[in-house]
N, C-alpha and C. Protein backbone atom coordinates (compact mmCIF):
# COMPACT_ATOMS: atom_id res chain seq x y z
N MET A 1 -41.85 18.72 -18.85
CA MET A 1 -40.43 19.16 -18.48
C MET A 1 -39.65 19.11 -19.83
N THR A 2 -38.73 20.08 -20.01
CA THR A 2 -37.98 20.16 -21.26
C THR A 2 -36.88 19.12 -21.09
N HIS A 3 -36.17 19.00 -22.28
CA HIS A 3 -35.06 18.05 -22.34
C HIS A 3 -33.97 18.63 -21.36
N ARG A 4 -33.71 19.95 -21.30
CA ARG A 4 -32.72 20.48 -20.51
C ARG A 4 -33.10 20.40 -18.96
N GLY A 5 -34.43 20.54 -18.70
CA GLY A 5 -34.79 20.33 -17.30
C GLY A 5 -34.75 18.86 -16.83
N LEU A 6 -34.96 17.93 -17.69
CA LEU A 6 -34.80 16.58 -17.42
C LEU A 6 -33.30 16.16 -17.23
N GLU A 7 -32.49 16.76 -18.02
CA GLU A 7 -31.09 16.56 -17.84
C GLU A 7 -30.56 17.04 -16.56
N LEU A 8 -30.98 18.26 -16.12
CA LEU A 8 -30.60 18.84 -14.85
C LEU A 8 -31.11 18.10 -13.78
N ALA A 9 -32.38 17.55 -13.86
CA ALA A 9 -32.91 16.68 -12.75
C ALA A 9 -32.17 15.43 -12.58
N LEU A 10 -31.77 14.86 -13.75
CA LEU A 10 -31.01 13.62 -13.66
C LEU A 10 -29.70 13.80 -13.10
N ARG A 11 -29.00 14.91 -13.39
CA ARG A 11 -27.70 15.22 -12.96
C ARG A 11 -27.85 15.49 -11.32
N SER A 12 -28.92 16.18 -10.99
CA SER A 12 -29.14 16.42 -9.52
C SER A 12 -29.30 15.10 -8.74
N LEU A 13 -30.10 14.19 -9.35
CA LEU A 13 -30.26 12.94 -8.70
C LEU A 13 -28.92 12.04 -8.54
N LEU A 14 -28.20 12.14 -9.64
CA LEU A 14 -26.95 11.41 -9.66
C LEU A 14 -25.93 12.03 -8.69
N PHE A 15 -25.94 13.39 -8.60
CA PHE A 15 -25.09 14.08 -7.56
C PHE A 15 -25.49 13.70 -6.21
N ARG A 16 -26.80 13.66 -5.90
CA ARG A 16 -27.20 13.21 -4.54
C ARG A 16 -26.75 11.70 -4.36
N GLU A 17 -27.04 10.84 -5.18
CA GLU A 17 -26.63 9.44 -5.04
C GLU A 17 -25.01 9.31 -4.79
N ASN A 18 -24.33 10.09 -5.56
CA ASN A 18 -22.88 10.07 -5.42
C ASN A 18 -22.46 10.65 -4.08
N PHE A 19 -23.17 11.63 -3.67
CA PHE A 19 -22.88 12.31 -2.43
C PHE A 19 -23.14 11.41 -1.23
N VAL A 20 -24.28 10.65 -1.30
CA VAL A 20 -24.64 9.64 -0.28
C VAL A 20 -23.51 8.60 -0.22
N GLU A 21 -23.14 8.02 -1.43
CA GLU A 21 -22.13 7.03 -1.48
C GLU A 21 -20.85 7.54 -1.00
N MET A 22 -20.38 8.70 -1.33
CA MET A 22 -19.18 9.29 -0.84
C MET A 22 -19.24 9.53 0.65
N THR A 23 -20.32 9.93 1.19
CA THR A 23 -20.42 10.05 2.63
C THR A 23 -20.32 8.74 3.40
N LYS A 24 -20.93 7.75 2.87
CA LYS A 24 -20.83 6.40 3.40
C LYS A 24 -19.38 5.98 3.39
N LEU A 25 -18.63 6.18 2.27
CA LEU A 25 -17.24 5.85 2.26
C LEU A 25 -16.32 6.56 3.22
N VAL A 26 -16.59 7.85 3.34
CA VAL A 26 -15.86 8.60 4.34
C VAL A 26 -16.12 8.15 5.72
N LEU A 27 -17.36 7.80 5.99
CA LEU A 27 -17.75 7.21 7.32
C LEU A 27 -17.01 5.96 7.62
N GLU A 28 -17.00 5.10 6.62
CA GLU A 28 -16.34 3.79 6.73
C GLU A 28 -14.84 3.92 6.94
N ILE A 29 -14.24 4.78 6.20
CA ILE A 29 -12.84 5.09 6.35
C ILE A 29 -12.51 5.74 7.76
N SER A 30 -13.45 6.61 8.16
CA SER A 30 -13.24 7.26 9.51
C SER A 30 -13.36 6.14 10.56
N LYS A 31 -14.24 5.24 10.43
CA LYS A 31 -14.33 4.12 11.45
C LYS A 31 -13.18 3.26 11.47
N GLU A 32 -12.51 3.00 10.27
CA GLU A 32 -11.33 2.13 10.30
C GLU A 32 -10.16 3.04 10.88
N ASN A 33 -10.15 4.27 10.66
CA ASN A 33 -9.10 5.11 11.16
C ASN A 33 -9.26 5.19 12.69
N LEU A 34 -10.51 5.21 13.11
CA LEU A 34 -10.73 5.29 14.54
C LEU A 34 -10.28 4.01 15.22
N GLU A 35 -10.50 2.91 14.68
CA GLU A 35 -10.10 1.59 15.18
C GLU A 35 -8.62 1.52 15.26
N MET A 36 -7.90 2.11 14.15
CA MET A 36 -6.42 2.06 14.16
C MET A 36 -5.90 3.02 15.24
N LEU A 37 -6.60 4.12 15.49
CA LEU A 37 -6.14 5.11 16.40
C LEU A 37 -6.29 4.52 17.84
N ILE A 38 -7.37 3.73 18.10
CA ILE A 38 -7.60 3.14 19.35
C ILE A 38 -6.42 2.07 19.55
N GLU A 39 -6.11 1.26 18.60
CA GLU A 39 -5.09 0.34 18.69
C GLU A 39 -3.65 1.01 19.00
N LEU A 40 -3.52 2.10 18.29
CA LEU A 40 -2.18 2.88 18.44
C LEU A 40 -2.12 3.40 19.82
N ARG A 41 -3.32 3.85 20.43
CA ARG A 41 -3.26 4.39 21.78
C ARG A 41 -2.87 3.29 22.85
N LYS A 42 -3.54 2.03 22.53
CA LYS A 42 -3.11 0.94 23.40
C LYS A 42 -1.65 0.68 23.41
N LEU A 43 -1.08 0.61 22.20
CA LEU A 43 0.31 0.41 22.06
C LEU A 43 1.21 1.40 22.73
N LEU A 44 0.75 2.70 22.62
CA LEU A 44 1.47 3.80 23.16
C LEU A 44 1.50 3.76 24.77
N ASP A 45 0.31 3.34 25.27
CA ASP A 45 0.16 3.15 26.71
C ASP A 45 1.03 2.08 27.17
N MET A 46 1.14 0.98 26.41
CA MET A 46 2.04 -0.18 26.82
C MET A 46 3.49 0.29 26.81
N LEU A 47 3.86 1.04 25.86
CA LEU A 47 5.19 1.62 25.73
C LEU A 47 5.57 2.46 26.88
N ILE A 48 4.60 3.35 27.28
CA ILE A 48 4.77 4.23 28.41
C ILE A 48 4.97 3.43 29.62
N ASP A 49 4.11 2.39 29.85
CA ASP A 49 4.32 1.54 31.07
C ASP A 49 5.69 0.97 31.04
N VAL A 50 6.10 0.41 30.00
CA VAL A 50 7.48 -0.26 29.94
C VAL A 50 8.57 0.76 30.22
N LEU A 51 8.44 2.00 29.72
CA LEU A 51 9.46 3.08 29.97
C LEU A 51 9.50 3.44 31.42
N GLU A 52 8.27 3.47 32.01
CA GLU A 52 8.16 3.95 33.40
C GLU A 52 8.93 2.82 34.30
N VAL A 53 8.65 1.54 34.04
CA VAL A 53 9.31 0.48 34.80
C VAL A 53 10.89 0.57 34.56
N GLU A 54 11.31 0.64 33.31
CA GLU A 54 12.66 0.56 33.05
C GLU A 54 13.42 1.77 33.54
N THR A 55 12.76 2.92 33.92
CA THR A 55 13.52 4.06 34.36
C THR A 55 13.33 4.16 35.99
N ASP A 56 12.58 3.22 36.50
CA ASP A 56 12.41 3.33 38.01
C ASP A 56 13.43 2.35 38.66
N GLU A 57 14.54 2.89 39.10
CA GLU A 57 15.63 1.99 39.73
C GLU A 57 15.08 1.27 40.90
N GLU A 58 14.33 1.95 41.76
CA GLU A 58 13.85 1.27 43.00
C GLU A 58 12.87 0.09 42.64
N LEU A 59 11.89 0.33 41.68
CA LEU A 59 11.14 -0.73 41.21
C LEU A 59 11.84 -1.94 40.64
N LEU A 60 12.94 -1.58 39.75
CA LEU A 60 13.71 -2.66 39.15
C LEU A 60 14.43 -3.50 40.27
N SER A 61 14.82 -2.78 41.35
CA SER A 61 15.53 -3.43 42.37
C SER A 61 14.62 -4.34 43.10
N ARG A 62 13.38 -3.95 43.34
CA ARG A 62 12.33 -4.76 44.07
C ARG A 62 12.02 -5.98 43.14
N ILE A 63 11.94 -5.75 41.93
CA ILE A 63 11.60 -6.91 40.95
C ILE A 63 12.72 -7.93 41.01
N ASP A 64 14.01 -7.47 40.99
CA ASP A 64 15.16 -8.34 41.14
C ASP A 64 15.09 -9.19 42.39
N GLU A 65 14.72 -8.45 43.65
CA GLU A 65 14.59 -9.13 44.88
C GLU A 65 13.52 -10.21 44.85
N GLY A 66 12.40 -9.87 44.15
CA GLY A 66 11.27 -10.84 44.08
C GLY A 66 11.74 -12.01 43.26
N LEU A 67 12.44 -11.86 42.19
CA LEU A 67 12.80 -12.94 41.40
C LEU A 67 13.87 -13.87 42.09
N GLU A 68 14.71 -13.24 42.87
CA GLU A 68 15.70 -13.92 43.73
C GLU A 68 14.89 -14.82 44.72
N ASP A 69 13.90 -14.22 45.35
CA ASP A 69 13.06 -14.97 46.31
C ASP A 69 12.42 -16.24 45.66
N VAL A 70 11.91 -15.98 44.43
CA VAL A 70 11.39 -17.20 43.73
C VAL A 70 12.40 -18.31 43.44
N GLU A 71 13.55 -17.76 43.01
CA GLU A 71 14.64 -18.71 42.59
C GLU A 71 15.15 -19.57 43.91
N LYS A 72 15.15 -18.87 45.05
CA LYS A 72 15.54 -19.55 46.25
C LYS A 72 14.40 -20.22 47.00
N GLY A 73 13.23 -20.20 46.55
CA GLY A 73 12.12 -20.87 47.16
C GLY A 73 11.50 -20.17 48.29
N ARG A 74 11.73 -18.84 48.37
CA ARG A 74 11.24 -18.16 49.56
C ARG A 74 9.84 -17.47 49.17
N VAL A 75 8.88 -18.43 48.76
CA VAL A 75 7.64 -17.96 48.36
C VAL A 75 6.58 -18.96 48.91
N VAL A 76 5.37 -18.53 49.01
CA VAL A 76 4.26 -19.42 49.38
C VAL A 76 3.13 -19.25 48.36
N SER A 77 2.31 -20.32 48.30
CA SER A 77 1.23 -20.32 47.35
C SER A 77 0.24 -19.25 47.79
N LEU A 78 -0.65 -18.84 46.97
CA LEU A 78 -1.71 -17.96 47.29
C LEU A 78 -2.72 -18.58 48.32
N GLY A 79 -3.01 -19.87 48.03
CA GLY A 79 -3.82 -20.61 49.03
C GLY A 79 -3.13 -20.60 50.42
N GLY A 80 -1.96 -20.95 50.49
CA GLY A 80 -1.19 -20.99 51.75
C GLY A 80 -1.26 -19.57 52.42
N PHE A 81 -0.96 -18.58 51.66
CA PHE A 81 -1.04 -17.23 52.28
C PHE A 81 -2.42 -16.84 52.79
N LEU A 82 -3.35 -17.21 52.05
CA LEU A 82 -4.71 -16.85 52.55
C LEU A 82 -5.06 -17.69 53.75
N LYS A 83 -4.71 -18.92 53.82
CA LYS A 83 -4.87 -19.73 55.09
C LYS A 83 -4.12 -19.11 56.29
N ASP A 84 -2.92 -18.67 56.00
CA ASP A 84 -2.03 -18.05 57.03
C ASP A 84 -2.83 -16.83 57.66
N ILE A 85 -3.31 -16.02 56.76
CA ILE A 85 -3.99 -14.79 57.16
C ILE A 85 -5.25 -15.13 57.93
N GLU A 86 -6.03 -16.11 57.44
CA GLU A 86 -7.20 -16.49 58.04
C GLU A 86 -6.97 -17.05 59.48
N SER A 87 -5.92 -17.81 59.63
CA SER A 87 -5.62 -18.32 60.98
C SER A 87 -5.15 -17.30 61.90
N ARG A 88 -4.48 -16.21 61.45
CA ARG A 88 -4.05 -15.10 62.33
C ARG A 88 -5.22 -14.26 62.78
N GLU A 89 -6.29 -14.25 61.99
CA GLU A 89 -7.48 -13.39 62.34
C GLU A 89 -8.28 -14.07 63.38
N ARG A 90 -8.06 -15.34 63.65
CA ARG A 90 -8.93 -16.08 64.64
C ARG A 90 -8.45 -15.87 66.04
C-alpha cells in the first residue's frame, strides 16, 4: 500500500470511529430529550387536570359541600361505611 493509500485508509478508519461516537452521542442526547419530554407531558397533563377542575363550577360546588361535611363531622370512616353496606346486604 502506498503512503497515500495508507493515509486514506487511516482517515477512513478515523471517520468511521468518529461517526460511531457521534451516533452514540446523538442517541444519548435523544434519550435525555425523550425523558424530558415525558416529564413535560406529565406536567402538562397535571396542568390540564387543574384547569378542568378550576373551570367546572358544579364540581367546585360539590368539593365545597364535601369540605363542609368534613368540617361539620358529617362523615363516616371507610370501615364503617363498608360495615353498613355489608349489614344492608344481609
